[in-house]
PDB file of N, CA and C in Angstrom:
ATOM      1  N   MET A   1      12.011 -38.139  34.961  1.00  0.00           N
ATOM      2  CA  MET A   1      11.667 -36.734  34.876  1.00  0.00           C
ATOM      3  C   MET A   1      12.315 -36.151  33.624  1.00  0.00           C
ATOM      4  N   PRO A   2      11.521 -35.489  32.744  1.00  0.00           N
ATOM      5  CA  PRO A   2      12.081 -34.959  31.494  1.00  0.00           C
ATOM      6  C   PRO A   2      13.024 -33.785  31.762  1.00  0.00           C
ATOM      7  N   SER A   3      13.955 -33.643  30.863  1.00  0.00           N
ATOM      8  CA  SER A   3      14.900 -32.531  30.986  1.00  0.00           C
ATOM      9  C   SER A   3      14.204 -31.223  30.617  1.00  0.00           C
ATOM     10  N   LEU A   4      14.751 -30.127  31.095  1.00  0.00           N
ATOM     11  CA  LEU A   4      14.163 -28.808  30.852  1.00  0.00           C
ATOM     12  C   LEU A   4      14.108 -28.467  29.365  1.00  0.00           C
ATOM     13  N   PRO A   5      15.182 -28.680  28.574  1.00  0.00           N
ATOM     14  CA  PRO A   5      15.088 -28.367  27.144  1.00  0.00           C
ATOM     15  C   PRO A   5      14.016 -29.200  26.428  1.00  0.00           C
ATOM     16  N   ARG A   6      13.894 -30.462  26.805  1.00  0.00           N
ATOM     17  CA  ARG A   6      12.877 -31.319  26.169  1.00  0.00           C
ATOM     18  C   ARG A   6      11.480 -30.850  26.548  1.00  0.00           C
ATOM     19  N   LEU A   7      11.301 -30.464  27.799  1.00  0.00           N
ATOM     20  CA  LEU A   7      10.009 -29.950  28.249  1.00  0.00           C
ATOM     21  C   LEU A   7       9.660 -28.652  27.531  1.00  0.00           C
ATOM     22  N   MET A   8      10.634 -27.761  27.368  1.00  0.00           N
ATOM     23  CA  MET A   8      10.403 -26.503  26.670  1.00  0.00           C
ATOM     24  C   MET A   8      10.055 -26.745  25.209  1.00  0.00           C
ATOM     25  N   LEU A   9      10.728 -27.678  24.559  1.00  0.00           N
ATOM     26  CA  LEU A   9      10.442 -28.005  23.162  1.00  0.00           C
ATOM     27  C   LEU A   9       9.034 -28.570  23.030  1.00  0.00           C
ATOM     28  N   THR A  10       8.649 -29.430  23.943  1.00  0.00           N
ATOM     29  CA  THR A  10       7.305 -30.006  23.914  1.00  0.00           C
ATOM     30  C   THR A  10       6.249 -28.915  24.071  1.00  0.00           C
ATOM     31  N   CYS A  11       6.464 -27.995  24.997  1.00  0.00           N
ATOM     32  CA  CYS A  11       5.520 -26.889  25.200  1.00  0.00           C
ATOM     33  C   CYS A  11       5.432 -26.009  23.955  1.00  0.00           C
ATOM     34  N   LEU A  12       6.553 -25.740  23.319  1.00  0.00           N
ATOM     35  CA  LEU A  12       6.568 -24.928  22.113  1.00  0.00           C
ATOM     36  C   LEU A  12       5.796 -25.597  20.986  1.00  0.00           C
ATOM     37  N   ILE A  13       5.969 -26.888  20.834  1.00  0.00           N
ATOM     38  CA  ILE A  13       5.248 -27.629  19.789  1.00  0.00           C
ATOM     39  C   ILE A  13       3.751 -27.601  20.059  1.00  0.00           C
ATOM     40  N   LEU A  14       3.352 -27.820  21.305  1.00  0.00           N
ATOM     41  CA  LEU A  14       1.926 -27.792  21.644  1.00  0.00           C
ATOM     42  C   LEU A  14       1.322 -26.409  21.449  1.00  0.00           C
ATOM     43  N   LEU A  15       2.058 -25.383  21.812  1.00  0.00           N
ATOM     44  CA  LEU A  15       1.580 -24.017  21.622  1.00  0.00           C
ATOM     45  C   LEU A  15       1.418 -23.691  20.144  1.00  0.00           C
ATOM     46  N   THR A  16       2.391 -24.086  19.333  1.00  0.00           N
ATOM     47  CA  THR A  16       2.322 -23.849  17.890  1.00  0.00           C
ATOM     48  C   THR A  16       1.142 -24.586  17.278  1.00  0.00           C
ATOM     49  N   ALA A  17       0.912 -25.811  17.699  1.00  0.00           N
ATOM     50  CA  ALA A  17      -0.221 -26.583  17.178  1.00  0.00           C
ATOM     51  C   ALA A  17      -1.540 -25.931  17.540  1.00  0.00           C
ATOM     52  N   ALA A  18      -1.656 -25.424  18.752  1.00  0.00           N
ATOM     53  CA  ALA A  18      -2.892 -24.765  19.171  1.00  0.00           C
ATOM     54  C   ALA A  18      -3.122 -23.485  18.386  1.00  0.00           C
ATOM     55  N   CYS A  19      -2.074 -22.723  18.134  1.00  0.00           N
ATOM     56  CA  CYS A  19      -2.215 -21.468  17.403  1.00  0.00           C
ATOM     57  C   CYS A  19      -2.548 -21.691  15.943  1.00  0.00           C
ATOM     58  N   SER A  20      -2.200 -22.836  15.401  1.00  0.00           N
ATOM     59  CA  SER A  20      -2.470 -23.092  13.990  1.00  0.00           C
ATOM     60  C   SER A  20      -3.956 -23.255  13.715  1.00  0.00           C
ATOM     61  N   GLN A  21      -4.766 -23.386  14.761  1.00  0.00           N
ATOM     62  CA  GLN A  21      -6.209 -23.516  14.576  1.00  0.00           C
ATOM     63  C   GLN A  21      -6.870 -22.173  14.337  1.00  0.00           C
ATOM     64  N   PHE A  22      -6.155 -21.103  14.597  1.00  0.00           N
ATOM     65  CA  PHE A  22      -6.712 -19.774  14.415  1.00  0.00           C
ATOM     66  C   PHE A  22      -6.536 -19.323  12.981  1.00  0.00           C
ATOM     67  N   LYS A  23      -7.452 -18.515  12.523  1.00  0.00           N
ATOM     68  CA  LYS A  23      -7.334 -17.907  11.211  1.00  0.00           C
ATOM     69  C   LYS A  23      -7.911 -16.508  11.291  1.00  0.00           C
ATOM     70  N   GLU A  24      -7.480 -15.679  10.394  1.00  0.00           N
ATOM     71  CA  GLU A  24      -8.035 -14.336  10.342  1.00  0.00           C
ATOM     72  C   GLU A  24      -9.418 -14.441   9.740  1.00  0.00           C
ATOM     73  N   THR A  25     -10.414 -13.955  10.443  1.00  0.00           N
ATOM     74  CA  THR A  25     -11.783 -14.101   9.974  1.00  0.00           C
ATOM     75  C   THR A  25     -12.314 -12.874   9.262  1.00  0.00           C
ATOM     76  N   GLY A  26     -11.669 -11.782   9.419  1.00  0.00           N
ATOM     77  CA  GLY A  26     -12.184 -10.570   8.794  1.00  0.00           C
ATOM     78  C   GLY A  26     -11.418  -9.379   9.301  1.00  0.00           C
ATOM     79  N   ARG A  27     -12.124  -8.325   9.539  1.00  0.00           N
ATOM     80  CA  ARG A  27     -11.433  -7.149  10.028  1.00  0.00           C
ATOM     81  C   ARG A  27     -11.926  -6.826  11.430  1.00  0.00           C
ATOM     82  N   ALA A  28     -11.022  -6.380  12.250  1.00  0.00           N
ATOM     83  CA  ALA A  28     -11.384  -5.992  13.609  1.00  0.00           C
ATOM     84  C   ALA A  28     -11.971  -4.587  13.562  1.00  0.00           C
ATOM     85  N   ILE A  29     -13.058  -4.408  14.250  1.00  0.00           N
ATOM     86  CA  ILE A  29     -13.701  -3.105  14.323  1.00  0.00           C
ATOM     87  C   ILE A  29     -14.026  -2.818  15.782  1.00  0.00           C
ATOM     88  N   SER A  30     -14.233  -1.588  16.114  1.00  0.00           N
ATOM     89  CA  SER A  30     -14.637  -1.255  17.482  1.00  0.00           C
ATOM     90  C   SER A  30     -15.675  -0.150  17.428  1.00  0.00           C
ATOM     91  N   ASP A  31     -16.480  -0.121  18.455  1.00  0.00           N
ATOM     92  CA  ASP A  31     -17.481   0.936  18.512  1.00  0.00           C
ATOM     93  C   ASP A  31     -16.929   2.122  19.292  1.00  0.00           C
ATOM     94  N   GLU A  32     -17.777   3.095  19.546  1.00  0.00           N
ATOM     95  CA  GLU A  32     -17.324   4.308  20.224  1.00  0.00           C
ATOM     96  C   GLU A  32     -16.904   4.047  21.671  1.00  0.00           C
ATOM     97  N   ASN A  33     -17.286   2.905  22.222  1.00  0.00           N
ATOM     98  CA  ASN A  33     -16.892   2.553  23.582  1.00  0.00           C
ATOM     99  C   ASN A  33     -15.652   1.663  23.608  1.00  0.00           C
ATOM    100  N   GLY A  34     -15.088   1.376  22.447  1.00  0.00           N
ATOM    101  CA  GLY A  34     -13.877   0.572  22.388  1.00  0.00           C
ATOM    102  C   GLY A  34     -14.104  -0.923  22.433  1.00  0.00           C
ATOM    103  N   ILE A  35     -15.339  -1.374  22.271  1.00  0.00           N
ATOM    104  CA  ILE A  35     -15.622  -2.801  22.285  1.00  0.00           C
ATOM    105  C   ILE A  35     -15.118  -3.399  20.976  1.00  0.00           C
ATOM    106  N   MET A  36     -14.193  -4.333  21.083  1.00  0.00           N
ATOM    107  CA  MET A  36     -13.606  -4.934  19.891  1.00  0.00           C
ATOM    108  C   MET A  36     -14.516  -6.017  19.326  1.00  0.00           C
ATOM    109  N   LEU A  37     -14.653  -5.989  18.041  1.00  0.00           N
ATOM    110  CA  LEU A  37     -15.455  -6.953  17.319  1.00  0.00           C
ATOM    111  C   LEU A  37     -14.645  -7.475  16.147  1.00  0.00           C
ATOM    112  N   ASP A  38     -15.132  -8.528  15.568  1.00  0.00           N
ATOM    113  CA  ASP A  38     -14.524  -9.083  14.374  1.00  0.00           C
ATOM    114  C   ASP A  38     -15.670  -9.308  13.394  1.00  0.00           C
ATOM    115  N   SER A  39     -15.459  -8.960  12.140  1.00  0.00           N
ATOM    116  CA  SER A  39     -16.530  -9.166  11.172  1.00  0.00           C
ATOM    117  C   SER A  39     -15.969  -9.795   9.903  1.00  0.00           C
ATOM    118  N   GLU A  40     -16.846 -10.479   9.206  1.00  0.00           N
ATOM    119  CA  GLU A  40     -16.482 -11.029   7.902  1.00  0.00           C
ATOM    120  C   GLU A  40     -17.710 -10.996   7.006  1.00  0.00           C
ATOM    121  N   GLU A  41     -17.456 -10.853   5.735  1.00  0.00           N
ATOM    122  CA  GLU A  41     -18.527 -10.761   4.754  1.00  0.00           C
ATOM    123  C   GLU A  41     -18.206 -11.713   3.605  1.00  0.00           C
ATOM    124  N   HIS A  42     -19.252 -12.360   3.075  1.00  0.00           N
ATOM    125  CA  HIS A  42     -19.079 -13.278   1.949  1.00  0.00           C
ATOM    126  C   HIS A  42     -20.180 -13.037   0.924  1.00  0.00           C
ATOM    127  N   LEU A  43     -19.798 -12.949  -0.336  1.00  0.00           N
ATOM    128  CA  LEU A  43     -20.764 -12.843  -1.421  1.00  0.00           C
ATOM    129  C   LEU A  43     -21.411 -14.201  -1.638  1.00  0.00           C
ATOM    130  N   LEU A  44     -22.727 -14.241  -1.629  1.00  0.00           N
ATOM    131  CA  LEU A  44     -23.453 -15.481  -1.875  1.00  0.00           C
ATOM    132  C   LEU A  44     -24.003 -15.538  -3.292  1.00  0.00           C
ATOM    133  N   GLY A  45     -23.976 -14.419  -3.995  1.00  0.00           N
ATOM    134  CA  GLY A  45     -24.524 -14.341  -5.342  1.00  0.00           C
ATOM    135  C   GLY A  45     -25.844 -13.603  -5.346  1.00  0.00           C
ATOM    136  N   GLN A  46     -26.233 -13.110  -6.514  1.00  0.00           N
ATOM    137  CA  GLN A  46     -27.497 -12.397  -6.706  1.00  0.00           C
ATOM    138  C   GLN A  46     -27.670 -11.256  -5.701  1.00  0.00           C
ATOM    139  N   LYS A  47     -26.596 -10.483  -5.495  1.00  0.00           N
ATOM    140  CA  LYS A  47     -26.610  -9.315  -4.613  1.00  0.00           C
ATOM    141  C   LYS A  47     -26.894  -9.664  -3.157  1.00  0.00           C
ATOM    142  N   ARG A  48     -26.608 -10.911  -2.782  1.00  0.00           N
ATOM    143  CA  ARG A  48     -26.797 -11.336  -1.393  1.00  0.00           C
ATOM    144  C   ARG A  48     -25.443 -11.577  -0.736  1.00  0.00           C
ATOM    145  N   TYR A  49     -25.352 -11.155   0.518  1.00  0.00           N
ATOM    146  CA  TYR A  49     -24.105 -11.259   1.268  1.00  0.00           C
ATOM    147  C   TYR A  49     -24.383 -11.833   2.645  1.00  0.00           C
ATOM    148  N   GLN A  50     -23.499 -12.711   3.082  1.00  0.00           N
ATOM    149  CA  GLN A  50     -23.577 -13.198   4.460  1.00  0.00           C
ATOM    150  C   GLN A  50     -22.618 -12.365   5.296  1.00  0.00           C
ATOM    151  N   ILE A  51     -23.130 -11.792   6.354  1.00  0.00           N
ATOM    152  CA  ILE A  51     -22.336 -10.944   7.242  1.00  0.00           C
ATOM    153  C   ILE A  51     -22.327 -11.597   8.620  1.00  0.00           C
ATOM    154  N   THR A  52     -21.127 -11.723   9.185  1.00  0.00           N
ATOM    155  CA  THR A  52     -20.979 -12.283  10.528  1.00  0.00           C
ATOM    156  C   THR A  52     -20.210 -11.283  11.382  1.00  0.00           C
ATOM    157  N   VAL A  53     -20.709 -11.039  12.570  1.00  0.00           N
ATOM    158  CA  VAL A  53     -20.039 -10.169  13.535  1.00  0.00           C
ATOM    159  C   VAL A  53     -19.857 -10.983  14.805  1.00  0.00           C
ATOM    160  N   ARG A  54     -18.635 -10.970  15.342  1.00  0.00           N
ATOM    161  CA  ARG A  54     -18.335 -11.694  16.580  1.00  0.00           C
ATOM    162  C   ARG A  54     -17.789 -10.726  17.613  1.00  0.00           C
ATOM    163  N   GLY A  55     -18.058 -10.998  18.867  1.00  0.00           N
ATOM    164  CA  GLY A  55     -17.539 -10.158  19.934  1.00  0.00           C
ATOM    165  C   GLY A  55     -17.434 -10.917  21.231  1.00  0.00           C
ATOM    166  N   SER A  56     -16.912 -10.261  22.223  1.00  0.00           N
ATOM    167  CA  SER A  56     -16.749 -10.839  23.552  1.00  0.00           C
ATOM    168  C   SER A  56     -18.089 -11.303  24.097  1.00  0.00           C
ATOM    169  N   SER A  57     -18.081 -12.432  24.770  1.00  0.00           N
ATOM    170  CA  SER A  57     -19.337 -12.948  25.328  1.00  0.00           C
ATOM    171  C   SER A  57     -19.886 -12.048  26.427  1.00  0.00           C
ATOM    172  N   ILE A  58     -19.031 -11.270  27.054  1.00  0.00           N
ATOM    173  CA  ILE A  58     -19.482 -10.375  28.121  1.00  0.00           C
ATOM    174  C   ILE A  58     -19.926  -9.034  27.547  1.00  0.00           C
ATOM    175  N   LEU A  59     -19.075  -8.396  26.745  1.00  0.00           N
ATOM    176  CA  LEU A  59     -19.354  -7.050  26.246  1.00  0.00           C
ATOM    177  C   LEU A  59     -20.374  -7.031  25.114  1.00  0.00           C
ATOM    178  N   PHE A  60     -20.497  -8.135  24.401  1.00  0.00           N
ATOM    179  CA  PHE A  60     -21.362  -8.216  23.232  1.00  0.00           C
ATOM    180  C   PHE A  60     -22.790  -8.612  23.619  1.00  0.00           C
ATOM    181  N   ASP A  61     -22.984  -9.031  24.859  1.00  0.00           N
ATOM    182  CA  ASP A  61     -24.264  -9.550  25.318  1.00  0.00           C
ATOM    183  C   ASP A  61     -25.360  -8.506  25.139  1.00  0.00           C
ATOM    184  N   GLY A  62     -26.431  -8.905  24.492  1.00  0.00           N
ATOM    185  CA  GLY A  62     -27.567  -8.016  24.308  1.00  0.00           C
ATOM    186  C   GLY A  62     -27.406  -6.997  23.202  1.00  0.00           C
ATOM    187  N   GLN A  63     -26.251  -6.973  22.542  1.00  0.00           N
ATOM    188  CA  GLN A  63     -26.016  -5.974  21.507  1.00  0.00           C
ATOM    189  C   GLN A  63     -25.740  -6.591  20.142  1.00  0.00           C
ATOM    190  N   ALA A  64     -25.888  -7.886  20.014  1.00  0.00           N
ATOM    191  CA  ALA A  64     -25.550  -8.578  18.773  1.00  0.00           C
ATOM    192  C   ALA A  64     -26.311  -8.003  17.580  1.00  0.00           C
ATOM    193  N   GLU A  65     -27.612  -7.838  17.728  1.00  0.00           N
ATOM    194  CA  GLU A  65     -28.416  -7.334  16.614  1.00  0.00           C
ATOM    195  C   GLU A  65     -28.027  -5.906  16.249  1.00  0.00           C
ATOM    196  N   GLN A  66     -27.754  -5.094  17.253  1.00  0.00           N
ATOM    197  CA  GLN A  66     -27.347  -3.704  17.011  1.00  0.00           C
ATOM    198  C   GLN A  66     -26.038  -3.650  16.216  1.00  0.00           C
ATOM    199  N   PHE A  67     -25.040  -4.440  16.633  1.00  0.00           N
ATOM    200  CA  PHE A  67     -23.769  -4.446  15.926  1.00  0.00           C
ATOM    201  C   PHE A  67     -23.908  -5.047  14.531  1.00  0.00           C
ATOM    202  N   PHE A  68     -24.752  -6.067  14.379  1.00  0.00           N
ATOM    203  CA  PHE A  68     -24.978  -6.646  13.056  1.00  0.00           C
ATOM    204  C   PHE A  68     -25.594  -5.607  12.128  1.00  0.00           C
ATOM    205  N   ASN A  69     -26.624  -4.916  12.591  1.00  0.00           N
ATOM    206  CA  ASN A  69     -27.286  -3.909  11.756  1.00  0.00           C
ATOM    207  C   ASN A  69     -26.324  -2.800  11.350  1.00  0.00           C
ATOM    208  N   ARG A  70     -25.492  -2.362  12.282  1.00  0.00           N
ATOM    209  CA  ARG A  70     -24.518  -1.318  11.965  1.00  0.00           C
ATOM    210  C   ARG A  70     -23.532  -1.799  10.905  1.00  0.00           C
ATOM    211  N   ARG A  71     -23.037  -3.033  11.038  1.00  0.00           N
ATOM    212  CA  ARG A  71     -22.072  -3.561  10.062  1.00  0.00           C
ATOM    213  C   ARG A  71     -22.738  -3.772   8.707  1.00  0.00           C
ATOM    214  N   ALA A  72     -23.981  -4.249   8.698  1.00  0.00           N
ATOM    215  CA  ALA A  72     -24.706  -4.436   7.440  1.00  0.00           C
ATOM    216  C   ALA A  72     -24.881  -3.095   6.731  1.00  0.00           C
ATOM    217  N   GLU A  73     -25.208  -2.062   7.473  1.00  0.00           N
ATOM    218  CA  GLU A  73     -25.369  -0.722   6.903  1.00  0.00           C
ATOM    219  C   GLU A  73     -24.056  -0.221   6.311  1.00  0.00           C
ATOM    220  N   GLU A  74     -22.965  -0.346   7.086  1.00  0.00           N
ATOM    221  CA  GLU A  74     -21.650   0.106   6.604  1.00  0.00           C
ATOM    222  C   GLU A  74     -21.219  -0.661   5.351  1.00  0.00           C
ATOM    223  N   TYR A  75     -21.371  -1.964   5.399  1.00  0.00           N
ATOM    224  CA  TYR A  75     -20.885  -2.794   4.302  1.00  0.00           C
ATOM    225  C   TYR A  75     -21.683  -2.560   3.020  1.00  0.00           C
ATOM    226  N   THR A  76     -23.007  -2.564   3.113  1.00  0.00           N
ATOM    227  CA  THR A  76     -23.806  -2.363   1.907  1.00  0.00           C
ATOM    228  C   THR A  76     -23.614  -0.950   1.347  1.00  0.00           C
ATOM    229  N   HIS A  77     -23.418   0.028   2.219  1.00  0.00           N
ATOM    230  CA  HIS A  77     -23.133   1.393   1.755  1.00  0.00           C
ATOM    231  C   HIS A  77     -21.810   1.427   0.984  1.00  0.00           C
ATOM    232  N   SER A  78     -20.797   0.698   1.475  1.00  0.00           N
ATOM    233  CA  SER A  78     -19.495   0.673   0.793  1.00  0.00           C
ATOM    234  C   SER A  78     -19.585   0.014  -0.582  1.00  0.00           C
ATOM    235  N   LEU A  79     -20.609  -0.803  -0.805  1.00  0.00           N
ATOM    236  CA  LEU A  79     -20.814  -1.450  -2.105  1.00  0.00           C
ATOM    237  C   LEU A  79     -21.634  -0.577  -3.057  1.00  0.00           C
ATOM    238  N   GLY A  80     -22.145   0.531  -2.545  1.00  0.00           N
ATOM    239  CA  GLY A  80     -22.946   1.420  -3.376  1.00  0.00           C
ATOM    240  C   GLY A  80     -24.420   1.092  -3.381  1.00  0.00           C
ATOM    241  N   CYS A  81     -24.864   0.282  -2.440  1.00  0.00           N
ATOM    242  CA  CYS A  81     -26.284  -0.071  -2.355  1.00  0.00           C
ATOM    243  C   CYS A  81     -27.083   1.103  -1.806  1.00  0.00           C
ATOM    244  N   LYS A  82     -28.319   1.234  -2.274  1.00  0.00           N
ATOM    245  CA  LYS A  82     -29.195   2.286  -1.771  1.00  0.00           C
ATOM    246  C   LYS A  82     -29.817   1.902  -0.441  1.00  0.00           C
ATOM    247  N   GLY A  83     -29.795   0.629  -0.147  1.00  0.00           N
ATOM    248  CA  GLY A  83     -30.339   0.104   1.100  1.00  0.00           C
ATOM    249  C   GLY A  83     -30.083  -1.393   1.149  1.00  0.00           C
ATOM    250  N   TRP A  84     -30.637  -2.039   2.147  1.00  0.00           N
ATOM    251  CA  TRP A  84     -30.482  -3.479   2.250  1.00  0.00           C
ATOM    252  C   TRP A  84     -31.708  -4.083   2.907  1.00  0.00           C
ATOM    253  N   LYS A  85     -31.929  -5.353   2.589  1.00  0.00           N
ATOM    254  CA  LYS A  85     -33.065  -6.083   3.145  1.00  0.00           C
ATOM    255  C   LYS A  85     -32.519  -7.323   3.840  1.00  0.00           C
ATOM    256  N   LEU A  86     -32.988  -7.580   5.045  1.00  0.00           N
ATOM    257  CA  LEU A  86     -32.557  -8.742   5.804  1.00  0.00           C
ATOM    258  C   LEU A  86     -33.302  -9.978   5.319  1.00  0.00           C
ATOM    259  N   ILE A  87     -32.555 -10.996   4.905  1.00  0.00           N
ATOM    260  CA  ILE A  87     -33.147 -12.247   4.428  1.00  0.00           C
ATOM    261  C   ILE A  87     -33.231 -13.262   5.559  1.00  0.00           C
ATOM    262  N   SER A  88     -32.148 -13.407   6.324  1.00  0.00           N
ATOM    263  CA  SER A  88     -32.144 -14.325   7.471  1.00  0.00           C
ATOM    264  C   SER A  88     -31.186 -13.793   8.524  1.00  0.00           C
ATOM    265  N   TYR A  89     -31.435 -14.208   9.774  1.00  0.00           N
ATOM    266  CA  TYR A  89     -30.607 -13.728  10.889  1.00  0.00           C
ATOM    267  C   TYR A  89     -30.591 -14.781  11.982  1.00  0.00           C
ATOM    268  N   GLN A  90     -29.418 -14.954  12.585  1.00  0.00           N
ATOM    269  CA  GLN A  90     -29.312 -15.806  13.766  1.00  0.00           C
ATOM    270  C   GLN A  90     -28.192 -15.275  14.646  1.00  0.00           C
ATOM    271  N   SER A  91     -28.298 -15.547  15.918  1.00  0.00           N
ATOM    272  CA  SER A  91     -27.236 -15.154  16.843  1.00  0.00           C
ATOM    273  C   SER A  91     -27.104 -16.251  17.887  1.00  0.00           C
ATOM    274  N   GLY A  92     -25.946 -16.289  18.506  1.00  0.00           N
ATOM    275  CA  GLY A  92     -25.715 -17.319  19.502  1.00  0.00           C
ATOM    276  C   GLY A  92     -24.318 -17.212  20.082  1.00  0.00           C
ATOM    277  N   ILE A  93     -23.854 -18.322  20.627  1.00  0.00           N
ATOM    278  CA  ILE A  93     -22.539 -18.397  21.245  1.00  0.00           C
ATOM    279  C   ILE A  93     -21.769 -19.527  20.593  1.00  0.00           C
ATOM    280  N   GLU A  94     -20.509 -19.253  20.227  1.00  0.00           N
ATOM    281  CA  GLU A  94     -19.643 -20.290  19.673  1.00  0.00           C
ATOM    282  C   GLU A  94     -18.458 -20.479  20.606  1.00  0.00           C
ATOM    283  N   ASN A  95     -17.990 -21.706  20.698  1.00  0.00           N
ATOM    284  CA  ASN A  95     -16.849 -22.016  21.544  1.00  0.00           C
ATOM    285  C   ASN A  95     -15.555 -21.799  20.779  1.00  0.00           C
ATOM    286  N   THR A  96     -14.568 -21.222  21.450  1.00  0.00           N
ATOM    287  CA  THR A  96     -13.243 -21.039  20.885  1.00  0.00           C
ATOM    288  C   THR A  96     -12.230 -21.584  21.888  1.00  0.00           C
ATOM    289  N   LEU A  97     -11.004 -21.580  21.497  1.00  0.00           N
ATOM    290  CA  LEU A  97      -9.946 -22.067  22.373  1.00  0.00           C
ATOM    291  C   LEU A  97      -9.859 -21.256  23.660  1.00  0.00           C
ATOM    292  N   PHE A  98     -10.174 -19.964  23.592  1.00  0.00           N
ATOM    293  CA  PHE A  98     -10.070 -19.084  24.749  1.00  0.00           C
ATOM    294  C   PHE A  98     -11.398 -18.824  25.432  1.00  0.00           C
ATOM    295  N   GLY A  99     -12.422 -19.551  25.084  1.00  0.00           N
ATOM    296  CA  GLY A  99     -13.722 -19.374  25.725  1.00  0.00           C
ATOM    297  C   GLY A  99     -14.804 -19.073  24.718  1.00  0.00           C
ATOM    298  N   ALA A 100     -15.949 -18.721  25.219  1.00  0.00           N
ATOM    299  CA  ALA A 100     -17.117 -18.483  24.368  1.00  0.00           C
ATOM    300  C   ALA A 100     -17.076 -17.089  23.761  1.00  0.00           C
ATOM    301  N   ARG A 101     -17.597 -16.999  22.546  1.00  0.00           N
ATOM    302  CA  ARG A 101     -17.763 -15.704  21.866  1.00  0.00           C
ATOM    303  C   ARG A 101     -19.174 -15.641  21.319  1.00  0.00           C
ATOM    304  N   ARG A 102     -19.770 -14.496  21.437  1.00  0.00           N
ATOM    305  CA  ARG A 102     -21.096 -14.290  20.852  1.00  0.00           C
ATOM    306  C   ARG A 102     -20.933 -13.931  19.381  1.00  0.00           C
ATOM    307  N   TYR A 103     -21.931 -14.306  18.599  1.00  0.00           N
ATOM    308  CA  TYR A 103     -21.910 -13.960  17.188  1.00  0.00           C
ATOM    309  C   TYR A 103     -23.310 -13.589  16.722  1.00  0.00           C
ATOM    310  N   ALA A 104     -23.346 -12.836  15.647  1.00  0.00           N
ATOM    311  CA  ALA A 104     -24.583 -12.522  14.935  1.00  0.00           C
ATOM    312  C   ALA A 104     -24.275 -12.738  13.457  1.00  0.00           C
ATOM    313  N   ARG A 105     -25.109 -13.517  12.785  1.00  0.00           N
ATOM    314  CA  ARG A 105     -24.870 -13.846  11.378  1.00  0.00           C
ATOM    315  C   ARG A 105     -26.188 -13.700  10.631  1.00  0.00           C
ATOM    316  N   GLY A 106     -26.085 -13.078   9.459  1.00  0.00           N
ATOM    317  CA  GLY A 106     -27.288 -12.925   8.665  1.00  0.00           C
ATOM    318  C   GLY A 106     -26.960 -12.781   7.193  1.00  0.00           C
ATOM    319  N   VAL A 107     -27.991 -12.944   6.399  1.00  0.00           N
ATOM    320  CA  VAL A 107     -27.880 -12.757   4.954  1.00  0.00           C
ATOM    321  C   VAL A 107     -28.669 -11.508   4.617  1.00  0.00           C
ATOM    322  N   VAL A 108     -28.016 -10.609   3.889  1.00  0.00           N
ATOM    323  CA  VAL A 108     -28.659  -9.370   3.469  1.00  0.00           C
ATOM    324  C   VAL A 108     -28.637  -9.284   1.949  1.00  0.00           C
ATOM    325  N   GLU A 109     -29.621  -8.596   1.425  1.00  0.00           N
ATOM    326  CA  GLU A 109     -29.703  -8.381  -0.016  1.00  0.00           C
ATOM    327  C   GLU A 109     -29.524  -6.894  -0.292  1.00  0.00           C
ATOM    328  N   CYS A 110     -28.636  -6.608  -1.231  1.00  0.00           N
ATOM    329  CA  CYS A 110     -28.343  -5.235  -1.615  1.00  0.00           C
ATOM    330  C   CYS A 110     -29.472  -4.703  -2.485  1.00  0.00           C
ATOM    331  N   LEU A 111     -30.017  -3.539  -2.129  1.00  0.00           N
ATOM    332  CA  LEU A 111     -31.123  -2.943  -2.907  1.00  0.00           C
ATOM    333  C   LEU A 111     -30.599  -1.829  -3.790  1.00  0.00           C
TER     334      LEU A 111
END
């Protein structure tokens, strides 16, 4: 039977290793109902940007497109675009260490 200090050290190492898989993906945002989301944006070139919005699999259900459109509007407006055009869009569920998360990802072009 392992000693308590050795068991605690082993648990700490395993916890640290699991946490090292996480990275900051963007900025946390919330809507007027307090639903927390995470978003990230990447420049693809030629005034095109990939925007990803992630949220809880329960609270985000059925609202992925709505939250994506809102984030695309906010982001392109902050860049000084007069509008934006959707080039591609997909949504689904991704697995994480703490369970499933819904996501919406698309490419938009700044007009």
